[in-house]
Structure formats: C-alpha cells, structure tokens
Amino acid sequence: MRAALLIYAAGVVAALLFTDARPLARVGLALAWPVGPAAFVATIGLLIAAALVIFPWFGAVVALAGLGGWFYFGRV
C-alpha cells in the first residue's frame, strides 16, 4: 500500500510542478491522474469481451483455455 501511495504522490507532485495550466486545472489534474490507467484497463477489458462475441473462434479458444486451466489447476 505504501508503494501505491508513493506513486500517487509522485504523480501529484509532477502534475502540480510540470503541467502548463492554470492553478485550478493543475490541482484537478493532480488529483484525477489515476483515472487514466483505470479507463485504459476498462477499455481493454470491454474490447476483449466484445471480441469474444464478435469472433466466435476467439471465444471458443478462450473458453477451451479456461476450461483446460480449470481442470489442470483444479486437480493440482
């Protein structure tokens, strides 16, 4: 948890010092910068979920891999 807070604090300091914006915009950016990576992860997750439906062969491969992993790791 400490590492995550240090990374967040470093991002806040960088946004406050190196952003070319008005002070209120700097504070807003400094506080909201972790939203970007979370939005990236959500977007990729939704694209993969859509690919499972749009491309049936991809969905079949993922389903078979999941089933194989369930059997393999469930028995170990």
C-alpha atoms as a PDB file:
ATOM      1  CA  MET A   1       0.000   0.000   0.000  1.00  0.00           C
ATOM      2  CA  ARG A   2       2.874   2.340   0.772  1.00  0.00           C
ATOM      3  CA  ALA A   3       4.310   1.919  -2.740  1.00  0.00           C
ATOM      4  CA  ALA A   4       0.959   2.809  -4.293  1.00  0.00           C
ATOM      5  CA  LEU A   5       0.721   5.956  -2.183  1.00  0.00           C
ATOM      6  CA  LEU A   6       4.277   6.957  -3.107  1.00  0.00           C
ATOM      7  CA  ILE A   7       3.493   6.514  -6.821  1.00  0.00           C
ATOM      8  CA  TYR A   8       0.299   8.543  -6.418  1.00  0.00           C
ATOM      9  CA  ALA A   9       2.155  11.271  -4.529  1.00  0.00           C
ATOM     10  CA  ALA A  10       4.853  11.384  -7.210  1.00  0.00           C
ATOM     11  CA  GLY A  11       2.149  11.807  -9.856  1.00  0.00           C
ATOM     12  CA  VAL A  12       0.521  14.595  -7.866  1.00  0.00           C
ATOM     13  CA  VAL A  13       3.820  16.444  -7.472  1.00  0.00           C
ATOM     14  CA  ALA A  14       4.658  16.007 -11.161  1.00  0.00           C
ATOM     15  CA  ALA A  15       1.224  17.279 -12.195  1.00  0.00           C
ATOM     16  CA  LEU A  16       1.491  20.288  -9.910  1.00  0.00           C
ATOM     17  CA  LEU A  17       5.006  21.239 -10.997  1.00  0.00           C
ATOM     18  CA  PHE A  18       5.235  20.337 -14.674  1.00  0.00           C
ATOM     19  CA  THR A  19       1.729  20.933 -16.031  1.00  0.00           C
ATOM     20  CA  ASP A  20       1.235  24.053 -18.129  1.00  0.00           C
ATOM     21  CA  ALA A  21      -2.219  25.045 -16.912  1.00  0.00           C
ATOM     22  CA  ARG A  22      -3.998  27.359 -14.532  1.00  0.00           C
ATOM     23  CA  PRO A  23      -3.674  26.518 -10.826  1.00  0.00           C
ATOM     24  CA  LEU A  24      -7.191  25.068 -10.508  1.00  0.00           C
ATOM     25  CA  ALA A  25      -6.645  22.859 -13.541  1.00  0.00           C
ATOM     26  CA  ARG A  26      -3.305  21.731 -12.096  1.00  0.00           C
ATOM     27  CA  VAL A  27      -4.959  20.660  -8.856  1.00  0.00           C
ATOM     28  CA  GLY A  28      -7.731  18.846 -10.713  1.00  0.00           C
ATOM     29  CA  LEU A  29      -5.257  17.010 -12.911  1.00  0.00           C
ATOM     30  CA  ALA A  30      -3.051  16.170  -9.956  1.00  0.00           C
ATOM     31  CA  LEU A  31      -5.937  14.597  -8.052  1.00  0.00           C
ATOM     32  CA  ALA A  32      -7.513  12.772 -11.008  1.00  0.00           C
ATOM     33  CA  TRP A  33      -4.473  11.340 -12.831  1.00  0.00           C
ATOM     34  CA  PRO A  34      -5.071   7.689 -11.732  1.00  0.00           C
ATOM     35  CA  VAL A  35      -8.349   7.688 -13.678  1.00  0.00           C
ATOM     36  CA  GLY A  36      -6.398   7.371 -16.954  1.00  0.00           C
ATOM     37  CA  PRO A  37      -4.892   3.922 -16.298  1.00  0.00           C
ATOM     38  CA  ALA A  38      -8.200   2.672 -14.861  1.00  0.00           C
ATOM     39  CA  ALA A  39     -10.016   3.832 -18.002  1.00  0.00           C
ATOM     40  CA  PHE A  40      -7.387   2.050 -20.128  1.00  0.00           C
ATOM     41  CA  VAL A  41      -7.913  -1.229 -18.262  1.00  0.00           C
ATOM     42  CA  ALA A  42     -11.704  -0.920 -18.533  1.00  0.00           C
ATOM     43  CA  THR A  43     -11.496  -0.178 -22.268  1.00  0.00           C
ATOM     44  CA  ILE A  44      -9.251  -3.158 -22.978  1.00  0.00           C
ATOM     45  CA  GLY A  45     -11.499  -5.407 -20.898  1.00  0.00           C
ATOM     46  CA  LEU A  46     -14.585  -4.310 -22.815  1.00  0.00           C
ATOM     47  CA  LEU A  47     -12.819  -4.788 -26.160  1.00  0.00           C
ATOM     48  CA  ILE A  48     -11.815  -8.329 -25.204  1.00  0.00           C
ATOM     49  CA  ALA A  49     -15.360  -9.086 -24.035  1.00  0.00           C
ATOM     50  CA  ALA A  50     -16.748  -7.786 -27.334  1.00  0.00           C
ATOM     51  CA  ALA A  51     -14.188  -9.849 -29.275  1.00  0.00           C
ATOM     52  CA  LEU A  52     -15.448 -12.973 -27.507  1.00  0.00           C
ATOM     53  CA  VAL A  53     -18.891 -12.358 -29.010  1.00  0.00           C
ATOM     54  CA  ILE A  54     -17.941 -10.911 -32.388  1.00  0.00           C
ATOM     55  CA  PHE A  55     -15.290 -13.515 -33.238  1.00  0.00           C
ATOM     56  CA  PRO A  56     -16.673 -16.930 -32.231  1.00  0.00           C
ATOM     57  CA  TRP A  57     -13.365 -18.730 -32.838  1.00  0.00           C
ATOM     58  CA  PHE A  58     -11.640 -16.390 -30.364  1.00  0.00           C
ATOM     59  CA  GLY A  59     -14.392 -17.053 -27.837  1.00  0.00           C
ATOM     60  CA  ALA A  60     -14.031 -20.804 -28.359  1.00  0.00           C
ATOM     61  CA  VAL A  61     -10.265 -20.657 -27.825  1.00  0.00           C
ATOM     62  CA  VAL A  62     -10.685 -18.598 -24.645  1.00  0.00           C
ATOM     63  CA  ALA A  63     -13.409 -20.952 -23.385  1.00  0.00           C
ATOM     64  CA  LEU A  64     -11.256 -24.023 -24.077  1.00  0.00           C
ATOM     65  CA  ALA A  65      -8.245 -22.401 -22.409  1.00  0.00           C
ATOM     66  CA  GLY A  66     -10.353 -21.509 -19.385  1.00  0.00           C
ATOM     67  CA  LEU A  67     -11.803 -24.997 -19.184  1.00  0.00           C
ATOM     68  CA  GLY A  68      -8.354 -26.568 -19.537  1.00  0.00           C
ATOM     69  CA  GLY A  69      -6.954 -24.294 -16.850  1.00  0.00           C
ATOM     70  CA  TRP A  70      -9.859 -25.110 -14.558  1.00  0.00           C
ATOM     71  CA  PHE A  71      -9.283 -28.834 -14.959  1.00  0.00           C
ATOM     72  CA  TYR A  72      -5.499 -28.536 -14.662  1.00  0.00           C
ATOM     73  CA  PHE A  73      -5.355 -26.212 -11.667  1.00  0.00           C
ATOM     74  CA  GLY A  74      -8.392 -27.760 -10.009  1.00  0.00           C
ATOM     75  CA  ARG A  75      -6.676 -31.146  -9.825  1.00  0.00           C
ATOM     76  CA  VAL A  76      -3.274 -29.924  -8.650  1.00  0.00           C
END
